[in-house]
Amino acid sequence: MVDLQELEKIKRLKYKYQRCLDLHLWDELEECFVPEATSSYGDGQYTFGSRDEILNFLKQAMGRPSSMSSHHVHHPEIDIDGERATGVWALEDYVVDQEAGNTIHGAAYYHDQYVKVDGEWKIKHTGYMRAYEERVERRNNPHIELTVGWGAGE
């Protein structure tokens, strides 16, 4: 029988990961991973072999004030086996990049591995495969105006 409390702890870990990414809370995001964590984002295009490499990539890719995002995960399929777990999550994301002049919208499926360390669940591996991704040019488009956000009006 599944321990619903442990299941909820894993869900909260993934939700924290998404929140910290969107709000650029890098120190809190670091707490989500084991030091030897790995990742494979964008169908393996961006693969990293440690927590530090993952965080450096995310800071570079998402950390500019002109880059705002909204990542939502849902429909978790989580299997727990003692101190280890796996999860598949549906993702929908929007990234507004004022500097690059575009908006990215997409859907994907995360495939994660978790381990329990000192009684807390941590991410051992995370990554996603895209179902689709679309880009919309923001520059010189009179129909798109960012009215609220960290980079609004820039």
Protein backbone atom coordinates (compact mmCIF):
# COMPACT_ATOMS: atom_id res chain seq x y z
CA MET A 1 0.00 0.00 0.00
CA VAL A 2 1.24 3.49 -0.89
CA ASP A 3 2.17 5.78 2.00
CA LEU A 4 0.14 8.88 1.15
CA GLN A 5 2.26 11.11 3.40
CA GLU A 6 5.43 10.16 1.51
CA LEU A 7 3.63 10.65 -1.78
CA GLU A 8 2.59 14.14 -0.71
CA LYS A 9 6.16 14.99 0.33
CA ILE A 10 7.40 14.11 -3.16
CA LYS A 11 4.66 16.23 -4.73
CA ARG A 12 5.60 19.17 -2.52
CA LEU A 13 9.25 18.77 -3.55
CA LYS A 14 8.35 19.01 -7.24
CA TYR A 15 6.06 21.98 -6.63
CA LYS A 16 8.89 23.72 -4.73
CA TYR A 17 11.24 23.06 -7.65
CA GLN A 18 8.83 24.77 -10.06
CA ARG A 19 8.12 27.71 -7.74
CA CYS A 20 11.80 28.37 -7.06
CA LEU A 21 12.61 28.21 -10.77
CA ASP A 22 9.89 30.73 -11.67
CA LEU A 23 10.77 33.10 -8.82
CA HIS A 24 14.56 32.75 -9.28
CA LEU A 25 15.01 31.47 -5.72
CA TRP A 26 18.30 29.73 -6.41
CA ASP A 27 19.28 28.90 -2.81
CA GLU A 28 15.92 27.24 -2.17
CA LEU A 29 16.12 25.45 -5.51
CA GLU A 30 19.51 24.03 -4.54
CA GLU A 31 17.85 22.39 -1.51
CA CYS A 32 15.72 20.26 -3.87
CA PHE A 33 18.68 18.27 -5.25
CA VAL A 34 21.29 15.83 -4.00
CA PRO A 35 24.83 17.02 -4.90
CA GLU A 36 25.26 14.23 -7.49
CA ALA A 37 21.93 14.98 -9.20
CA THR A 38 21.68 14.72 -12.97
CA SER A 39 19.34 16.28 -15.51
CA SER A 40 18.33 15.95 -19.14
CA TYR A 41 16.23 18.88 -20.31
CA GLY A 42 14.82 19.46 -23.78
CA ASP A 43 14.90 15.87 -25.05
CA GLY A 44 18.50 15.49 -23.83
CA GLN A 45 19.77 18.66 -25.51
CA TYR A 46 20.79 20.05 -22.11
CA THR A 47 22.33 17.31 -19.96
CA PHE A 48 24.17 17.91 -16.68
CA GLY A 49 25.96 15.68 -14.19
CA SER A 50 25.77 17.52 -10.86
CA ARG A 51 23.57 19.84 -8.83
CA ASP A 52 26.02 22.70 -9.41
CA GLU A 53 25.94 22.20 -13.20
CA ILE A 54 22.13 22.07 -13.17
CA LEU A 55 21.85 25.25 -11.12
CA ASN A 56 24.39 27.10 -13.25
CA PHE A 57 22.44 26.19 -16.38
CA LEU A 58 19.10 27.24 -14.89
CA LYS A 59 20.53 30.54 -13.64
CA GLN A 60 21.95 31.31 -17.09
CA ALA A 61 18.85 30.21 -18.98
CA MET A 62 16.20 31.62 -16.66
CA GLY A 63 17.91 34.01 -14.26
CA ARG A 64 17.86 37.30 -16.16
CA PRO A 65 15.37 39.90 -14.89
CA SER A 66 14.01 40.07 -18.45
CA SER A 67 13.16 36.35 -18.38
CA MET A 68 9.89 35.42 -16.67
CA SER A 69 8.35 31.98 -16.56
CA SER A 70 5.43 29.95 -15.36
CA HIS A 71 5.91 26.20 -15.00
CA HIS A 72 2.97 24.03 -14.00
CA VAL A 73 3.22 20.32 -13.32
CA HIS A 74 0.27 18.05 -12.81
CA HIS A 75 -1.03 14.49 -13.22
CA PRO A 76 1.82 12.93 -11.20
CA GLU A 77 2.47 9.21 -11.53
CA ILE A 78 4.72 8.45 -8.57
CA ASP A 79 6.03 5.04 -7.50
CA ILE A 80 7.79 4.67 -4.16
CA ASP A 81 10.12 1.80 -3.34
CA GLY A 82 11.53 2.31 0.14
CA GLU A 83 14.02 5.19 0.04
CA ARG A 84 13.75 5.62 -3.73
CA ALA A 85 10.96 6.81 -5.98
CA THR A 86 10.24 7.65 -9.60
CA GLY A 87 7.78 10.12 -11.02
CA VAL A 88 6.29 11.15 -14.34
CA TRP A 89 4.72 14.61 -14.46
CA ALA A 90 2.87 16.49 -17.18
CA LEU A 91 4.36 19.98 -17.66
CA GLU A 92 2.97 23.11 -19.26
CA ASP A 93 5.27 26.09 -19.37
CA TYR A 94 5.43 29.66 -20.60
CA VAL A 95 8.68 31.59 -20.81
CA VAL A 96 8.65 35.29 -21.70
CA ASP A 97 12.12 36.43 -22.68
CA GLN A 98 12.12 40.19 -23.21
CA GLU A 99 15.82 40.23 -24.11
CA ALA A 100 15.47 37.58 -26.81
CA GLY A 101 12.17 39.06 -27.89
CA ASN A 102 10.12 35.89 -27.79
CA THR A 103 7.68 33.80 -25.81
CA ILE A 104 7.97 30.04 -25.57
CA HIS A 105 4.96 27.91 -24.73
CA GLY A 106 5.11 24.17 -24.51
CA ALA A 107 4.13 20.90 -22.96
CA ALA A 108 6.34 18.05 -21.88
CA TYR A 109 6.63 15.06 -19.60
CA TYR A 110 9.15 15.07 -16.76
CA HIS A 111 10.75 11.77 -15.78
CA ASP A 112 12.22 12.08 -12.30
CA GLN A 113 14.08 9.97 -9.76
CA TYR A 114 14.01 10.76 -6.06
CA VAL A 115 15.98 9.56 -3.04
CA LYS A 116 15.39 10.02 0.64
CA VAL A 117 18.28 11.71 2.47
CA ASP A 118 18.13 12.21 6.24
CA GLY A 119 14.35 11.77 6.12
CA GLU A 120 13.77 14.24 3.26
CA TRP A 121 13.05 13.52 -0.39
CA LYS A 122 15.50 15.01 -2.88
CA ILE A 123 15.72 15.01 -6.66
CA LYS A 124 18.35 12.59 -7.95
CA HIS A 125 17.46 13.03 -11.63
CA THR A 126 15.08 15.27 -13.53
CA GLY A 127 14.44 15.87 -17.17
CA TYR A 128 11.72 16.17 -19.72
CA MET A 129 10.75 15.18 -23.23
CA ARG A 130 8.75 17.78 -25.17
CA ALA A 131 5.32 16.98 -26.52
CA TYR A 132 5.43 20.33 -28.33
CA GLU A 133 7.03 23.75 -28.15
CA GLU A 134 6.07 26.92 -29.96
CA ARG A 135 7.82 30.27 -30.13
CA VAL A 136 6.12 33.58 -30.71
CA GLU A 137 8.09 36.64 -31.83
CA ARG A 138 7.45 39.52 -29.43
CA ARG A 139 9.52 42.20 -31.13
CA ASN A 140 7.65 44.64 -33.33
CA ASN A 141 4.36 42.87 -32.62
CA PRO A 142 1.74 45.48 -31.66
CA HIS A 143 -0.61 42.74 -30.44
CA ILE A 144 1.68 41.59 -27.63
CA GLU A 145 2.30 43.83 -24.64
CA LEU A 146 3.67 42.75 -21.28
CA THR A 147 1.77 44.84 -18.73
CA VAL A 148 2.85 43.20 -15.46
CA GLY A 149 6.01 41.29 -14.62
CA TRP A 150 9.60 41.70 -13.60
CA GLY A 151 10.59 42.80 -17.09
CA ALA A 152 7.42 44.74 -18.00
CA GLY A 153 8.08 47.85 -20.00
CA GLU A 154 11.72 47.06 -20.77
